[in-house]
Each structure stands twice: as C-alpha cells, then as structure tokens.
Amino acid sequence: HSELQQLKEVSSVRRVKLQDALESQKVGRVGLSCVS
C-alpha cells in the first residue's frame, strides 16, 4: 500500500509539472506571436 501510494503521489506531482510546462509553452508561443 505504501509503495502504491508513493507511485500515485509522484505521478500527481509530475502531472502538475507537465501542466505548468504546457502553460509556459503556450504563453511563450503567444508572446512570440505577439512580438512577430
């Protein structure tokens, strides 16, 4: 149960980081488009 919970927790953390990275890339693309 402990190992499963750890897997779910690190998976949740990675999801948040990927979501942040996705938003950053979208903002960056919009910014580049605005500059152009």
ModelCIF file with pLDDT and N, C-alpha, C, O atoms, coordinates in Angstrom:
data_MODEL
#
_entry.id   MODEL 
#
_entity.id                         1 
_entity.type                       polymer 
_entity.pdbx_number_of_molecules   1 
#
_entity_poly.entity_id                      1 
_entity_poly.type                           'polypeptide(L)' 
_entity_poly.nstd_linkage                   no 
_entity_poly.nstd_monomer                   no 
_entity_poly.pdbx_seq_one_letter_code       HSELQQLKEVSSVRRVKLQDALESQKVGRVGLSCVS 
_entity_poly.pdbx_seq_one_letter_code_can   HSELQQLKEVSSVRRVKLQDALESQKVGRVGLSCVS 
_entity_poly.pdbx_strand_id                 A 
#
loop_
_entity_poly_seq.entity_id 
_entity_poly_seq.num 
_entity_poly_seq.mon_id 
_entity_poly_seq.hetero 
1 1  HIS n 
1 2  SER n 
1 3  GLU n 
1 4  LEU n 
1 5  GLN n 
1 6  GLN n 
1 7  LEU n 
1 8  LYS n 
1 9  GLU n 
1 10 VAL n 
1 11 SER n 
1 12 SER n 
1 13 VAL n 
1 14 ARG n 
1 15 ARG n 
1 16 VAL n 
1 17 LYS n 
1 18 LEU n 
1 19 GLN n 
1 20 ASP n 
1 21 ALA n 
1 22 LEU n 
1 23 GLU n 
1 24 SER n 
1 25 GLN n 
1 26 LYS n 
1 27 VAL n 
1 28 GLY n 
1 29 ARG n 
1 30 VAL n 
1 31 GLY n 
1 32 LEU n 
1 33 SER n 
1 34 CYS n 
1 35 VAL n 
1 36 SER n 
#
_struct_asym.id          A 
_struct_asym.entity_id   1 
#
loop_
_ma_qa_metric.id 
_ma_qa_metric.mode 
_ma_qa_metric.name 
_ma_qa_metric.software_group_id 
_ma_qa_metric.type 
1 global pLDDT . pLDDT 
2 local  pLDDT . pLDDT 
#
_ma_qa_metric_global.metric_id      1 
_ma_qa_metric_global.metric_value   83.28 
_ma_qa_metric_global.model_id       1 
_ma_qa_metric_global.ordinal_id     1 
#
loop_
_ma_qa_metric_local.label_asym_id 
_ma_qa_metric_local.label_comp_id 
_ma_qa_metric_local.label_seq_id 
_ma_qa_metric_local.metric_id 
_ma_qa_metric_local.metric_value 
_ma_qa_metric_local.model_id 
_ma_qa_metric_local.ordinal_id 
A HIS 1  2 97.00 1 1  
A SER 2  2 97.00 1 2  
A GLU 3  2 97.00 1 3  
A LEU 4  2 97.00 1 4  
A GLN 5  2 97.00 1 5  
A GLN 6  2 97.00 1 6  
A LEU 7  2 97.00 1 7  
A LYS 8  2 96.00 1 8  
A GLU 9  2 97.00 1 9  
A VAL 10 2 96.00 1 10 
A SER 11 2 96.00 1 11 
A SER 12 2 96.00 1 12 
A VAL 13 2 96.00 1 13 
A ARG 14 2 96.00 1 14 
A ARG 15 2 96.00 1 15 
A VAL 16 2 96.00 1 16 
A LYS 17 2 95.00 1 17 
A LEU 18 2 95.00 1 18 
A GLN 19 2 95.00 1 19 
A ASP 20 2 93.00 1 20 
A ALA 21 2 92.00 1 21 
A LEU 22 2 92.00 1 22 
A GLU 23 2 91.00 1 23 
A SER 24 2 90.00 1 24 
A GLN 25 2 86.00 1 25 
A LYS 26 2 84.00 1 26 
A VAL 27 2 79.00 1 27 
A GLY 28 2 58.00 1 28 
A ARG 29 2 58.00 1 29 
A VAL 30 2 52.00 1 30 
A GLY 31 2 48.00 1 31 
A LEU 32 2 48.00 1 32 
A SER 33 2 52.00 1 33 
A CYS 34 2 49.00 1 34 
A VAL 35 2 48.00 1 35 
A SER 36 2 49.00 1 36 
#
loop_
_atom_site.group_PDB 
_atom_site.id 
_atom_site.type_symbol 
_atom_site.label_atom_id 
_atom_site.label_alt_id 
_atom_site.label_comp_id 
_atom_site.label_asym_id 
_atom_site.label_entity_id 
_atom_site.label_seq_id 
_atom_site.pdbx_PDB_ins_code 
_atom_site.Cartn_x 
_atom_site.Cartn_y 
_atom_site.Cartn_z 
_atom_site.occupancy 
_atom_site.B_iso_or_equiv 
_atom_site.pdbx_formal_charge 
_atom_site.auth_seq_id 
_atom_site.auth_comp_id 
_atom_site.auth_asym_id 
_atom_site.auth_atom_id 
_atom_site.pdbx_PDB_model_num 
ATOM 1   N N  . HIS A 1 1  ? 0.827 -1.208 0.000   1.00 97.00 ? 1  HIS A N  1 
ATOM 2   C CA . HIS A 1 1  ? 0.000 0.000  0.000   1.00 97.00 ? 1  HIS A CA 1 
ATOM 3   C C  . HIS A 1 1  ? 0.864 1.261  0.000   1.00 97.00 ? 1  HIS A C  1 
ATOM 4   O O  . HIS A 1 1  ? 0.543 2.244  -0.669  1.00 97.00 ? 1  HIS A O  1 
ATOM 5   N N  . SER A 1 2  ? 1.964 1.223  0.758   1.00 97.00 ? 2  SER A N  1 
ATOM 6   C CA . SER A 1 2  ? 2.874 2.371  0.835   1.00 97.00 ? 2  SER A CA 1 
ATOM 7   C C  . SER A 1 2  ? 3.515 2.656  -0.522  1.00 97.00 ? 2  SER A C  1 
ATOM 8   O O  . SER A 1 2  ? 3.577 3.806  -0.958  1.00 97.00 ? 2  SER A O  1 
ATOM 9   N N  . GLU A 1 3  ? 3.987 1.607  -1.178  1.00 97.00 ? 3  GLU A N  1 
ATOM 10  C CA . GLU A 1 3  ? 4.633 1.776  -2.488  1.00 97.00 ? 3  GLU A CA 1 
ATOM 11  C C  . GLU A 1 3  ? 3.643 2.284  -3.532  1.00 97.00 ? 3  GLU A C  1 
ATOM 12  O O  . GLU A 1 3  ? 3.985 3.123  -4.365  1.00 97.00 ? 3  GLU A O  1 
ATOM 13  N N  . LEU A 1 4  ? 2.415 1.771  -3.483  1.00 97.00 ? 4  LEU A N  1 
ATOM 14  C CA . LEU A 1 4  ? 1.388 2.228  -4.420  1.00 97.00 ? 4  LEU A CA 1 
ATOM 15  C C  . LEU A 1 4  ? 1.071 3.706  -4.184  1.00 97.00 ? 4  LEU A C  1 
ATOM 16  O O  . LEU A 1 4  ? 0.931 4.476  -5.134  1.00 97.00 ? 4  LEU A O  1 
ATOM 17  N N  . GLN A 1 5  ? 0.959 4.093  -2.917  1.00 97.00 ? 5  GLN A N  1 
ATOM 18  C CA . GLN A 1 5  ? 0.667 5.490  -2.594  1.00 97.00 ? 5  GLN A CA 1 
ATOM 19  C C  . GLN A 1 5  ? 1.780 6.408  -3.069  1.00 97.00 ? 5  GLN A C  1 
ATOM 20  O O  . GLN A 1 5  ? 1.512 7.500  -3.570  1.00 97.00 ? 5  GLN A O  1 
ATOM 21  N N  . GLN A 1 6  ? 3.025 5.976  -2.916  1.00 97.00 ? 6  GLN A N  1 
ATOM 22  C CA . GLN A 1 6  ? 4.160 6.771  -3.388  1.00 97.00 ? 6  GLN A CA 1 
ATOM 23  C C  . GLN A 1 6  ? 4.113 6.947  -4.899  1.00 97.00 ? 6  GLN A C  1 
ATOM 24  O O  . GLN A 1 6  ? 4.381 8.031  -5.416  1.00 97.00 ? 6  GLN A O  1 
ATOM 25  N N  . LEU A 1 7  ? 3.769 5.871  -5.603  1.00 97.00 ? 7  LEU A N  1 
ATOM 26  C CA . LEU A 1 7  ? 3.668 5.949  -7.061  1.00 97.00 ? 7  LEU A CA 1 
ATOM 27  C C  . LEU A 1 7  ? 2.591 6.953  -7.465  1.00 97.00 ? 7  LEU A C  1 
ATOM 28  O O  . LEU A 1 7  ? 2.796 7.751  -8.380  1.00 97.00 ? 7  LEU A O  1 
ATOM 29  N N  . LYS A 1 8  ? 1.464 6.915  -6.795  1.00 96.00 ? 8  LYS A N  1 
ATOM 30  C CA . LYS A 1 8  ? 0.364 7.835  -7.117  1.00 96.00 ? 8  LYS A CA 1 
ATOM 31  C C  . LYS A 1 8  ? 0.754 9.281  -6.807  1.00 96.00 ? 8  LYS A C  1 
ATOM 32  O O  . LYS A 1 8  ? 0.369 10.204 -7.524  1.00 96.00 ? 8  LYS A O  1 
ATOM 33  N N  . GLU A 1 9  ? 1.516 9.463  -5.740  1.00 97.00 ? 9  GLU A N  1 
ATOM 34  C CA . GLU A 1 9  ? 1.927 10.817 -5.358  1.00 97.00 ? 9  GLU A CA 1 
ATOM 35  C C  . GLU A 1 9  ? 2.919 11.415 -6.361  1.00 97.00 ? 9  GLU A C  1 
ATOM 36  O O  . GLU A 1 9  ? 2.763 12.561 -6.785  1.00 97.00 ? 9  GLU A O  1 
ATOM 37  N N  . VAL A 1 10 ? 3.936 10.637 -6.736  1.00 96.00 ? 10 VAL A N  1 
ATOM 38  C CA . VAL A 1 10 ? 4.922 11.169 -7.691  1.00 96.00 ? 10 VAL A CA 1 
ATOM 39  C C  . VAL A 1 10 ? 4.270 11.364 -9.062  1.00 96.00 ? 10 VAL A C  1 
ATOM 40  O O  . VAL A 1 10 ? 4.648 12.263 -9.813  1.00 96.00 ? 10 VAL A O  1 
ATOM 41  N N  . SER A 1 11 ? 3.299 10.523 -9.379  1.00 96.00 ? 11 SER A N  1 
ATOM 42  C CA . SER A 1 11 ? 2.567 10.683 -10.635 1.00 96.00 ? 11 SER A CA 1 
ATOM 43  C C  . SER A 1 11 ? 1.772 11.984 -10.623 1.00 96.00 ? 11 SER A C  1 
ATOM 44  O O  . SER A 1 11 ? 1.704 12.690 -11.629 1.00 96.00 ? 11 SER A O  1 
ATOM 45  N N  . SER A 1 12 ? 1.174 12.293 -9.479  1.00 96.00 ? 12 SER A N  1 
ATOM 46  C CA . SER A 1 12 ? 0.409 13.529 -9.344  1.00 96.00 ? 12 SER A CA 1 
ATOM 47  C C  . SER A 1 12 ? 1.311 14.746 -9.459  1.00 96.00 ? 12 SER A C  1 
ATOM 48  O O  . SER A 1 12 ? 0.947 15.738 -10.091 1.00 96.00 ? 12 SER A O  1 
ATOM 49  N N  . VAL A 1 13 ? 2.486 14.670 -8.849  1.00 96.00 ? 13 VAL A N  1 
ATOM 50  C CA . VAL A 1 13 ? 3.455 15.785 -8.917  1.00 96.00 ? 13 VAL A CA 1 
ATOM 51  C C  . VAL A 1 13 ? 3.900 16.009 -10.361 1.00 96.00 ? 13 VAL A C  1 
ATOM 52  O O  . VAL A 1 13 ? 4.005 17.148 -10.815 1.00 96.00 ? 13 VAL A O  1 
ATOM 53  N N  . ARG A 1 14 ? 4.160 14.919 -11.075 1.00 96.00 ? 14 ARG A N  1 
ATOM 54  C CA . ARG A 1 14 ? 4.601 15.057 -12.468 1.00 96.00 ? 14 ARG A CA 1 
ATOM 55  C C  . ARG A 1 14 ? 3.488 15.660 -13.327 1.00 96.00 ? 14 ARG A C  1 
ATOM 56  O O  . ARG A 1 14 ? 3.764 16.460 -14.221 1.00 96.00 ? 14 ARG A O  1 
ATOM 57  N N  . ARG A 1 15 ? 2.261 15.292 -13.068 1.00 96.00 ? 15 ARG A N  1 
ATOM 58  C CA . ARG A 1 15 ? 1.146 15.870 -13.828 1.00 96.00 ? 15 ARG A CA 1 
ATOM 59  C C  . ARG A 1 15 ? 1.121 17.391 -13.652 1.00 96.00 ? 15 ARG A C  1 
ATOM 60  O O  . ARG A 1 15 ? 0.968 18.127 -14.627 1.00 96.00 ? 15 ARG A O  1 
ATOM 61  N N  . VAL A 1 16 ? 1.270 17.858 -12.419 1.00 96.00 ? 16 VAL A N  1 
ATOM 62  C CA . VAL A 1 16 ? 1.261 19.304 -12.145 1.00 96.00 ? 16 VAL A CA 1 
ATOM 63  C C  . VAL A 1 16 ? 2.410 19.996 -12.880 1.00 96.00 ? 16 VAL A C  1 
ATOM 64  O O  . VAL A 1 16 ? 2.224 21.061 -13.471 1.00 96.00 ? 16 VAL A O  1 
ATOM 65  N N  . LYS A 1 17 ? 3.592 19.390 -12.842 1.00 95.00 ? 17 LYS A N  1 
ATOM 66  C CA . LYS A 1 17 ? 4.757 19.982 -13.518 1.00 95.00 ? 17 LYS A CA 1 
ATOM 67  C C  . LYS A 1 17 ? 4.555 20.038 -15.030 1.00 95.00 ? 17 LYS A C  1 
ATOM 68  O O  . LYS A 1 17 ? 4.920 21.018 -15.681 1.00 95.00 ? 17 LYS A O  1 
ATOM 69  N N  . LEU A 1 18 ? 3.971 18.978 -15.578 1.00 95.00 ? 18 LEU A N  1 
ATOM 70  C CA . LEU A 1 18 ? 3.713 18.960 -17.023 1.00 95.00 ? 18 LEU A CA 1 
ATOM 71  C C  . LEU A 1 18 ? 2.660 20.000 -17.397 1.00 95.00 ? 18 LEU A C  1 
ATOM 72  O O  . LEU A 1 18 ? 2.754 20.639 -18.445 1.00 95.00 ? 18 LEU A O  1 
ATOM 73  N N  . GLN A 1 19 ? 1.661 20.165 -16.539 1.00 95.00 ? 19 GLN A N  1 
ATOM 74  C CA . GLN A 1 19 ? 0.636 21.180 -16.800 1.00 95.00 ? 19 GLN A CA 1 
ATOM 75  C C  . GLN A 1 19 ? 1.248 22.585 -16.783 1.00 95.00 ? 19 GLN A C  1 
ATOM 76  O O  . GLN A 1 19 ? 0.920 23.429 -17.617 1.00 95.00 ? 19 GLN A O  1 
ATOM 77  N N  . ASP A 1 20 ? 2.150 22.819 -15.808 1.00 93.00 ? 20 ASP A N  1 
ATOM 78  C CA . ASP A 1 20 ? 2.843 24.113 -15.736 1.00 93.00 ? 20 ASP A CA 1 
ATOM 79  C C  . ASP A 1 20 ? 3.706 24.331 -16.974 1.00 93.00 ? 20 ASP A C  1 
ATOM 80  O O  . ASP A 1 20 ? 3.731 25.421 -17.544 1.00 93.00 ? 20 ASP A O  1 
ATOM 81  N N  . ALA A 1 21 ? 4.419 23.267 -17.384 1.00 92.00 ? 21 ALA A N  1 
ATOM 82  C CA . ALA A 1 21 ? 5.274 23.368 -18.569 1.00 92.00 ? 21 ALA A CA 1 
ATOM 83  C C  . ALA A 1 21 ? 4.436 23.629 -19.811 1.00 92.00 ? 21 ALA A C  1 
ATOM 84  O O  . ALA A 1 21 ? 4.836 24.388 -20.694 1.00 92.00 ? 21 ALA A O  1 
ATOM 85  N N  . LEU A 1 22 ? 3.280 22.999 -19.870 1.00 92.00 ? 22 LEU A N  1 
ATOM 86  C CA . LEU A 1 22 ? 2.384 23.183 -21.019 1.00 92.00 ? 22 LEU A CA 1 
ATOM 87  C C  . LEU A 1 22 ? 1.888 24.621 -21.087 1.00 92.00 ? 22 LEU A C  1 
ATOM 88  O O  . LEU A 1 22 ? 1.849 25.221 -22.161 1.00 92.00 ? 22 LEU A O  1 
ATOM 89  N N  . GLU A 1 23 ? 1.511 25.167 -19.945 1.00 91.00 ? 23 GLU A N  1 
ATOM 90  C CA . GLU A 1 23 ? 1.042 26.560 -19.902 1.00 91.00 ? 23 GLU A CA 1 
ATOM 91  C C  . GLU A 1 23 ? 2.166 27.513 -20.278 1.00 91.00 ? 23 GLU A C  1 
ATOM 92  O O  . GLU A 1 23 ? 1.944 28.490 -20.993 1.00 91.00 ? 23 GLU A O  1 
ATOM 93  N N  . SER A 1 24 ? 3.373 27.229 -19.798 1.00 90.00 ? 24 SER A N  1 
ATOM 94  C CA . SER A 1 24 ? 4.526 28.083 -20.118 1.00 90.00 ? 24 SER A CA 1 
ATOM 95  C C  . SER A 1 24 ? 4.811 28.090 -21.613 1.00 90.00 ? 24 SER A C  1 
ATOM 96  O O  . SER A 1 24 ? 5.075 29.138 -22.203 1.00 90.00 ? 24 SER A O  1 
ATOM 97  N N  . GLN A 1 25 ? 4.755 26.908 -22.217 1.00 86.00 ? 25 GLN A N  1 
ATOM 98  C CA . GLN A 1 25 ? 4.998 26.819 -23.658 1.00 86.00 ? 25 GLN A CA 1 
ATOM 99  C C  . GLN A 1 25 ? 3.917 27.555 -24.448 1.00 86.00 ? 25 GLN A C  1 
ATOM 100 O O  . GLN A 1 25 ? 4.207 28.185 -25.465 1.00 86.00 ? 25 GLN A O  1 
ATOM 101 N N  . LYS A 1 26 ? 2.675 27.475 -23.978 1.00 84.00 ? 26 LYS A N  1 
ATOM 102 C CA . LYS A 1 26 ? 1.584 28.184 -24.659 1.00 84.00 ? 26 LYS A CA 1 
ATOM 103 C C  . LYS A 1 26 ? 1.764 29.688 -24.544 1.00 84.00 ? 26 LYS A C  1 
ATOM 104 O O  . LYS A 1 26 ? 1.585 30.421 -25.516 1.00 84.00 ? 26 LYS A O  1 
ATOM 105 N N  . VAL A 1 27 ? 2.120 30.142 -23.347 1.00 79.00 ? 27 VAL A N  1 
ATOM 106 C CA . VAL A 1 27 ? 2.366 31.581 -23.146 1.00 79.00 ? 27 VAL A CA 1 
ATOM 107 C C  . VAL A 1 27 ? 3.540 32.035 -23.993 1.00 79.00 ? 27 VAL A C  1 
ATOM 108 O O  . VAL A 1 27 ? 3.499 33.105 -24.601 1.00 79.00 ? 27 VAL A O  1 
ATOM 109 N N  . GLY A 1 28 ? 4.574 31.234 -24.033 1.00 58.00 ? 28 GLY A N  1 
ATOM 110 C CA . GLY A 1 28 ? 5.752 31.575 -24.831 1.00 58.00 ? 28 GLY A CA 1 
ATOM 111 C C  . GLY A 1 28 ? 5.419 31.681 -26.308 1.00 58.00 ? 28 GLY A C  1 
ATOM 112 O O  . GLY A 1 28 ? 5.901 32.578 -26.999 1.00 58.00 ? 28 GLY A O  1 
ATOM 113 N N  . ARG A 1 29 ? 4.587 30.754 -26.790 1.00 58.00 ? 29 ARG A N  1 
ATOM 114 C CA . ARG A 1 29 ? 4.200 30.800 -28.208 1.00 58.00 ? 29 ARG A CA 1 
ATOM 115 C C  . ARG A 1 29 ? 3.351 32.030 -28.496 1.00 58.00 ? 29 ARG A C  1 
ATOM 116 O O  . ARG A 1 29 ? 3.518 32.679 -29.529 1.00 58.00 ? 29 ARG A O  1 
ATOM 117 N N  . VAL A 1 30 ? 2.437 32.351 -27.576 1.00 52.00 ? 30 VAL A N  1 
ATOM 118 C CA . VAL A 1 30 ? 1.603 33.546 -27.763 1.00 52.00 ? 30 VAL A CA 1 
ATOM 119 C C  . VAL A 1 30 ? 2.469 34.796 -27.731 1.00 52.00 ? 30 VAL A C  1 
ATOM 120 O O  . VAL A 1 30 ? 2.273 35.706 -28.537 1.00 52.00 ? 30 VAL A O  1 
ATOM 121 N N  . GLY A 1 31 ? 3.439 34.849 -26.796 1.00 48.00 ? 31 GLY A N  1 
ATOM 122 C CA . GLY A 1 31 ? 4.339 36.002 -26.701 1.00 48.00 ? 31 GLY A CA 1 
ATOM 123 C C  . GLY A 1 31 ? 5.157 36.176 -27.961 1.00 48.00 ? 31 GLY A C  1 
ATOM 124 O O  . GLY A 1 31 ? 5.328 37.291 -28.454 1.00 48.00 ? 31 GLY A O  1 
ATOM 125 N N  . LEU A 1 32 ? 5.666 35.061 -28.486 1.00 48.00 ? 32 LEU A N  1 
ATOM 126 C CA . LEU A 1 32 ? 6.456 35.118 -29.715 1.00 48.00 ? 32 LEU A CA 1 
ATOM 127 C C  . LEU A 1 32 ? 5.603 35.599 -30.873 1.00 48.00 ? 32 LEU A C  1 
ATOM 128 O O  . LEU A 1 32 ? 6.055 36.367 -31.723 1.00 48.00 ? 32 LEU A O  1 
ATOM 129 N N  . SER A 1 33 ? 4.370 35.138 -30.894 1.00 52.00 ? 33 SER A N  1 
ATOM 130 C CA . SER A 1 33 ? 3.450 35.571 -31.945 1.00 52.00 ? 33 SER A CA 1 
ATOM 131 C C  . SER A 1 33 ? 3.173 37.064 -31.854 1.00 52.00 ? 33 SER A C  1 
ATOM 132 O O  . SER A 1 33 ? 3.100 37.760 -32.867 1.00 52.00 ? 33 SER A O  1 
ATOM 133 N N  . CYS A 1 34 ? 3.017 37.554 -30.598 1.00 49.00 ? 34 CYS A N  1 
ATOM 134 C CA . CYS A 1 34 ? 2.763 38.984 -30.393 1.00 49.00 ? 34 CYS A CA 1 
ATOM 135 C C  . CYS A 1 34 ? 3.953 39.822 -30.819 1.00 49.00 ? 34 CYS A C  1 
ATOM 136 O O  . CYS A 1 34 ? 3.793 40.878 -31.432 1.00 49.00 ? 34 CYS A O  1 
ATOM 137 N N  . VAL A 1 35 ? 5.160 39.343 -30.488 1.00 48.00 ? 35 VAL A N  1 
ATOM 138 C CA . VAL A 1 35 ? 6.374 40.062 -30.880 1.00 48.00 ? 35 VAL A CA 1 
ATOM 139 C C  . VAL A 1 35 ? 6.479 40.128 -32.393 1.00 48.00 ? 35 VAL A C  1 
ATOM 140 O O  . VAL A 1 35 ? 6.832 41.166 -32.953 1.00 48.00 ? 35 VAL A O  1 
ATOM 141 N N  . SER A 1 36 ? 6.176 39.027 -33.050 1.00 49.00 ? 36 SER A N  1 
ATOM 142 C CA . SER A 1 36 ? 6.236 38.988 -34.512 1.00 49.00 ? 36 SER A CA 1 
ATOM 143 C C  . SER A 1 36 ? 5.232 39.949 -35.121 1.00 49.00 ? 36 SER A C  1 
ATOM 144 O O  . SER A 1 36 ? 5.139 40.051 -36.344 1.00 49.00 ? 36 SER A O  1 
#
